[in-house]
């Protein structure tokens, strides 16, 4: 398993909760303002991904870092790659929508 596959395995646990909560935040904004904003979804995704990473991997399952460390992915590298991918998704979604 190379770095990219290991990282995608790591990121898979963050993708769904971050996306669902950012959509929920945008829906709450839609209820109050009447306007659904993909900007809110993308910025919410960028801000919620590190939060879920902290809750899932730092508090709930801190021993999983040993698994990723054996794959050659340090904790710092996983944080940087996760933030980078979240930022990239945010920028691309802001440009598209």
N, C-alpha and C. Protein backbone atom coordinates (compact mmCIF):
# COMPACT_ATOMS: atom_id res chain seq x y z
N UNK A 1 0.87 -1.18 0.00
CA UNK A 1 0.00 0.00 0.00
C UNK A 1 0.91 1.23 0.00
N UNK A 2 0.70 2.11 -0.95
CA UNK A 2 1.54 3.30 -1.01
C UNK A 2 0.92 4.43 -0.20
N UNK A 3 1.61 5.57 -0.22
CA UNK A 3 1.17 6.70 0.59
C UNK A 3 -0.23 7.18 0.23
N UNK A 4 -0.52 7.24 -1.05
CA UNK A 4 -1.81 7.78 -1.48
C UNK A 4 -2.95 6.86 -1.06
N UNK A 5 -2.77 5.57 -1.22
CA UNK A 5 -3.81 4.64 -0.80
C UNK A 5 -4.01 4.68 0.71
N UNK A 6 -2.91 4.77 1.46
CA UNK A 6 -3.01 4.87 2.91
C UNK A 6 -3.72 6.13 3.34
N UNK A 7 -3.39 7.24 2.67
CA UNK A 7 -4.05 8.49 3.01
C UNK A 7 -5.53 8.46 2.66
N UNK A 8 -5.88 7.90 1.52
CA UNK A 8 -7.29 7.83 1.14
C UNK A 8 -8.07 6.93 2.09
N UNK A 9 -7.43 5.88 2.58
CA UNK A 9 -8.05 5.03 3.60
C UNK A 9 -8.30 5.84 4.88
N UNK A 10 -7.34 6.69 5.23
CA UNK A 10 -7.46 7.57 6.39
C UNK A 10 -8.57 8.61 6.19
N UNK A 11 -8.59 9.22 5.02
CA UNK A 11 -9.50 10.33 4.73
C UNK A 11 -10.94 9.87 4.56
N UNK A 12 -11.11 8.59 4.26
CA UNK A 12 -12.46 8.05 4.03
C UNK A 12 -13.36 8.23 5.26
N UNK A 13 -12.78 8.13 6.45
CA UNK A 13 -13.57 8.31 7.67
C UNK A 13 -13.96 9.76 7.91
N UNK A 14 -13.28 10.68 7.27
CA UNK A 14 -13.56 12.10 7.46
C UNK A 14 -14.52 12.66 6.43
N UNK A 15 -14.58 12.04 5.30
CA UNK A 15 -15.33 12.58 4.17
C UNK A 15 -16.83 12.69 4.44
N UNK A 16 -17.44 11.60 4.82
CA UNK A 16 -18.89 11.59 4.98
C UNK A 16 -19.38 12.49 6.11
N UNK A 17 -18.82 12.42 7.32
CA UNK A 17 -19.33 13.31 8.37
C UNK A 17 -19.13 14.79 8.06
N UNK A 18 -17.98 15.12 7.47
CA UNK A 18 -17.73 16.52 7.15
C UNK A 18 -18.70 17.03 6.09
N UNK A 19 -18.94 16.22 5.10
CA UNK A 19 -19.85 16.62 4.03
C UNK A 19 -21.29 16.73 4.53
N UNK A 20 -21.72 15.77 5.33
CA UNK A 20 -23.09 15.80 5.84
C UNK A 20 -23.33 16.99 6.77
N UNK A 21 -22.38 17.27 7.65
CA UNK A 21 -22.56 18.39 8.56
C UNK A 21 -22.48 19.73 7.82
N UNK A 22 -21.63 19.83 6.81
CA UNK A 22 -21.58 21.09 6.06
C UNK A 22 -22.87 21.28 5.25
N UNK A 23 -23.44 20.20 4.73
CA UNK A 23 -24.74 20.31 4.05
C UNK A 23 -25.84 20.67 5.05
N UNK A 24 -25.76 20.15 6.26
CA UNK A 24 -26.75 20.49 7.28
C UNK A 24 -26.66 21.97 7.65
N UNK A 25 -25.44 22.49 7.75
CA UNK A 25 -25.26 23.91 8.06
C UNK A 25 -25.84 24.77 6.93
N UNK A 26 -25.58 24.36 5.69
CA UNK A 26 -26.13 25.10 4.55
C UNK A 26 -27.65 25.02 4.52
N UNK A 27 -28.20 23.87 4.90
CA UNK A 27 -29.66 23.73 4.95
C UNK A 27 -30.27 24.63 6.02
N UNK A 28 -29.61 24.72 7.17
CA UNK A 28 -30.09 25.63 8.22
C UNK A 28 -30.05 27.07 7.72
N UNK A 29 -28.99 27.42 7.01
CA UNK A 29 -28.93 28.75 6.40
C UNK A 29 -30.03 28.96 5.38
N UNK A 30 -30.37 27.90 4.64
CA UNK A 30 -31.46 27.98 3.67
C UNK A 30 -32.80 28.20 4.36
N UNK A 31 -33.01 27.55 5.49
CA UNK A 31 -34.26 27.69 6.22
C UNK A 31 -34.43 29.14 6.71
N UNK A 32 -33.36 29.73 7.19
CA UNK A 32 -33.46 31.09 7.74
C UNK A 32 -33.41 32.18 6.68
N UNK A 33 -32.66 31.97 5.60
CA UNK A 33 -32.51 33.04 4.61
C UNK A 33 -33.27 32.78 3.32
N UNK A 34 -33.58 31.52 3.03
CA UNK A 34 -34.26 31.19 1.78
C UNK A 34 -33.31 31.02 0.62
N UNK A 35 -32.00 31.06 0.87
CA UNK A 35 -31.00 30.93 -0.19
C UNK A 35 -30.04 29.80 0.19
N UNK A 36 -29.94 28.79 -0.70
CA UNK A 36 -28.99 27.71 -0.46
C UNK A 36 -27.66 28.11 -1.08
N UNK A 37 -26.60 28.03 -0.32
CA UNK A 37 -25.30 28.51 -0.77
C UNK A 37 -24.27 27.38 -0.77
N UNK A 38 -23.71 27.10 -1.96
CA UNK A 38 -22.62 26.13 -2.03
C UNK A 38 -21.34 26.69 -1.41
N UNK A 39 -21.25 28.00 -1.31
CA UNK A 39 -20.12 28.62 -0.61
C UNK A 39 -20.11 28.19 0.84
N UNK A 40 -21.27 28.17 1.46
CA UNK A 40 -21.38 27.73 2.85
C UNK A 40 -20.99 26.26 2.97
N UNK A 41 -21.39 25.45 2.01
CA UNK A 41 -21.05 24.03 2.04
C UNK A 41 -19.54 23.85 1.94
N UNK A 42 -18.91 24.53 1.01
CA UNK A 42 -17.47 24.33 0.80
C UNK A 42 -16.65 24.89 1.97
N UNK A 43 -17.00 26.05 2.48
CA UNK A 43 -16.25 26.59 3.61
C UNK A 43 -16.53 25.76 4.86
N UNK A 44 -17.76 25.31 5.03
CA UNK A 44 -18.08 24.43 6.15
C UNK A 44 -17.31 23.12 6.08
N UNK A 45 -17.18 22.57 4.88
CA UNK A 45 -16.40 21.35 4.70
C UNK A 45 -14.94 21.57 5.08
N UNK A 46 -14.38 22.68 4.64
CA UNK A 46 -12.98 22.97 4.95
C UNK A 46 -12.77 23.15 6.45
N UNK A 47 -13.72 23.75 7.14
CA UNK A 47 -13.57 23.97 8.57
C UNK A 47 -13.92 22.74 9.41
N UNK A 48 -14.84 21.92 8.94
CA UNK A 48 -15.26 20.76 9.72
C UNK A 48 -14.35 19.56 9.58
N UNK A 49 -13.64 19.44 8.48
CA UNK A 49 -12.77 18.28 8.29
C UNK A 49 -11.69 18.18 9.37
N UNK A 50 -10.96 19.26 9.70
CA UNK A 50 -9.99 19.13 10.80
C UNK A 50 -10.66 18.86 12.15
N UNK A 51 -11.85 19.39 12.34
CA UNK A 51 -12.56 19.14 13.58
C UNK A 51 -12.91 17.66 13.72
N UNK A 52 -13.42 17.06 12.66
CA UNK A 52 -13.73 15.64 12.70
C UNK A 52 -12.47 14.79 12.78
N UNK A 53 -11.40 15.24 12.15
CA UNK A 53 -10.15 14.51 12.27
C UNK A 53 -9.68 14.50 13.72
N UNK A 54 -9.83 15.61 14.39
CA UNK A 54 -9.44 15.67 15.79
C UNK A 54 -10.32 14.73 16.63
N UNK A 55 -11.63 14.78 16.43
CA UNK A 55 -12.52 13.94 17.22
C UNK A 55 -12.34 12.45 16.92
N UNK A 56 -12.21 12.11 15.63
CA UNK A 56 -12.14 10.69 15.26
C UNK A 56 -10.78 10.09 15.57
N UNK A 57 -9.71 10.79 15.19
CA UNK A 57 -8.39 10.18 15.30
C UNK A 57 -7.61 10.58 16.55
N UNK A 58 -7.85 11.74 17.10
CA UNK A 58 -7.10 12.15 18.29
C UNK A 58 -7.80 11.71 19.57
N UNK A 59 -9.11 11.82 19.63
CA UNK A 59 -9.84 11.50 20.85
C UNK A 59 -10.39 10.08 20.86
N UNK A 60 -11.05 9.69 19.77
CA UNK A 60 -11.75 8.41 19.76
C UNK A 60 -10.82 7.23 19.47
N UNK A 61 -9.97 7.35 18.46
CA UNK A 61 -9.09 6.24 18.04
C UNK A 61 -7.64 6.70 17.92
N UNK A 62 -6.99 7.08 19.00
CA UNK A 62 -5.61 7.57 18.86
C UNK A 62 -4.61 6.48 18.48
N UNK A 63 -4.95 5.23 18.72
CA UNK A 63 -4.02 4.14 18.38
C UNK A 63 -3.99 3.82 16.89
N UNK A 64 -4.92 4.34 16.14
CA UNK A 64 -4.89 4.11 14.69
C UNK A 64 -3.71 4.79 14.02
N UNK A 65 -3.15 5.79 14.67
CA UNK A 65 -1.97 6.44 14.11
C UNK A 65 -0.81 5.45 13.99
N UNK A 66 -0.75 4.43 14.82
CA UNK A 66 0.30 3.43 14.70
C UNK A 66 0.19 2.67 13.38
N UNK A 67 -1.04 2.38 12.97
CA UNK A 67 -1.27 1.71 11.70
C UNK A 67 -0.74 2.56 10.54
N UNK A 68 -1.10 3.84 10.55
CA UNK A 68 -0.66 4.72 9.46
C UNK A 68 0.84 5.01 9.55
N UNK A 69 1.37 5.00 10.75
CA UNK A 69 2.82 5.19 10.90
C UNK A 69 3.57 4.00 10.30
N UNK A 70 3.02 2.80 10.43
CA UNK A 70 3.64 1.63 9.81
C UNK A 70 3.56 1.68 8.29
N UNK A 71 2.62 2.44 7.77
CA UNK A 71 2.54 2.64 6.31
C UNK A 71 3.46 3.76 5.84
N UNK A 72 4.12 4.44 6.78
CA UNK A 72 5.02 5.52 6.42
C UNK A 72 4.38 6.89 6.49
N UNK A 73 3.21 6.99 7.08
CA UNK A 73 2.50 8.26 7.19
C UNK A 73 2.50 8.70 8.66
N UNK A 74 3.25 9.73 8.95
CA UNK A 74 3.30 10.24 10.32
C UNK A 74 2.04 11.04 10.62
N UNK A 75 1.85 11.34 11.87
CA UNK A 75 0.68 12.12 12.29
C UNK A 75 0.70 13.49 11.64
N UNK A 76 1.85 14.12 11.62
CA UNK A 76 1.98 15.45 11.00
C UNK A 76 1.68 15.38 9.51
N UNK A 77 2.19 14.37 8.85
CA UNK A 77 1.94 14.23 7.41
C UNK A 77 0.45 14.03 7.13
N UNK A 78 -0.21 13.24 7.96
CA UNK A 78 -1.65 13.02 7.77
C UNK A 78 -2.43 14.32 7.98
N UNK A 79 -2.06 15.10 8.99
CA UNK A 79 -2.73 16.38 9.21
C UNK A 79 -2.52 17.33 8.04
N UNK A 80 -1.29 17.42 7.56
CA UNK A 80 -0.99 18.34 6.45
C UNK A 80 -1.70 17.89 5.18
N UNK A 81 -1.66 16.60 4.90
CA UNK A 81 -2.33 16.11 3.69
C UNK A 81 -3.84 16.28 3.78
N UNK A 82 -4.40 16.07 4.95
CA UNK A 82 -5.84 16.24 5.13
C UNK A 82 -6.26 17.69 4.96
N UNK A 83 -5.51 18.59 5.57
CA UNK A 83 -5.82 20.02 5.41
C UNK A 83 -5.64 20.46 3.96
N UNK A 84 -4.61 19.95 3.31
CA UNK A 84 -4.37 20.32 1.91
C UNK A 84 -5.49 19.84 1.00
N UNK A 85 -5.91 18.59 1.19
CA UNK A 85 -6.99 18.08 0.35
C UNK A 85 -8.31 18.80 0.64
N UNK A 86 -8.58 19.11 1.89
CA UNK A 86 -9.80 19.85 2.23
C UNK A 86 -9.77 21.25 1.61
N UNK A 87 -8.61 21.89 1.67
CA UNK A 87 -8.48 23.21 1.05
C UNK A 87 -8.66 23.12 -0.45
N UNK A 88 -8.09 22.09 -1.07
CA UNK A 88 -8.23 21.92 -2.51
C UNK A 88 -9.69 21.69 -2.90
N UNK A 89 -10.40 20.86 -2.14
CA UNK A 89 -11.82 20.63 -2.41
C UNK A 89 -12.60 21.92 -2.23
N UNK A 90 -12.27 22.70 -1.21
CA UNK A 90 -12.95 23.96 -0.97
C UNK A 90 -12.73 24.94 -2.13
N UNK A 91 -11.50 25.08 -2.56
CA UNK A 91 -11.19 26.02 -3.65
C UNK A 91 -11.86 25.58 -4.95
N UNK A 92 -11.80 24.30 -5.25
CA UNK A 92 -12.42 23.81 -6.49
C UNK A 92 -13.93 23.99 -6.45
N UNK A 93 -14.55 23.71 -5.30
CA UNK A 93 -16.00 23.87 -5.22
C UNK A 93 -16.41 25.34 -5.26
N UNK A 94 -15.56 26.23 -4.74
CA UNK A 94 -15.86 27.66 -4.83
C UNK A 94 -15.74 28.16 -6.26
N UNK A 95 -14.80 27.60 -7.03
CA UNK A 95 -14.64 28.00 -8.43
C UNK A 95 -15.77 27.44 -9.29
N UNK A 96 -16.21 26.22 -9.01
CA UNK A 96 -17.23 25.57 -9.84
C UNK A 96 -18.61 26.16 -9.53
N UNK A 97 -18.93 26.30 -8.25
CA UNK A 97 -20.26 26.78 -7.87
C UNK A 97 -20.16 28.24 -7.54
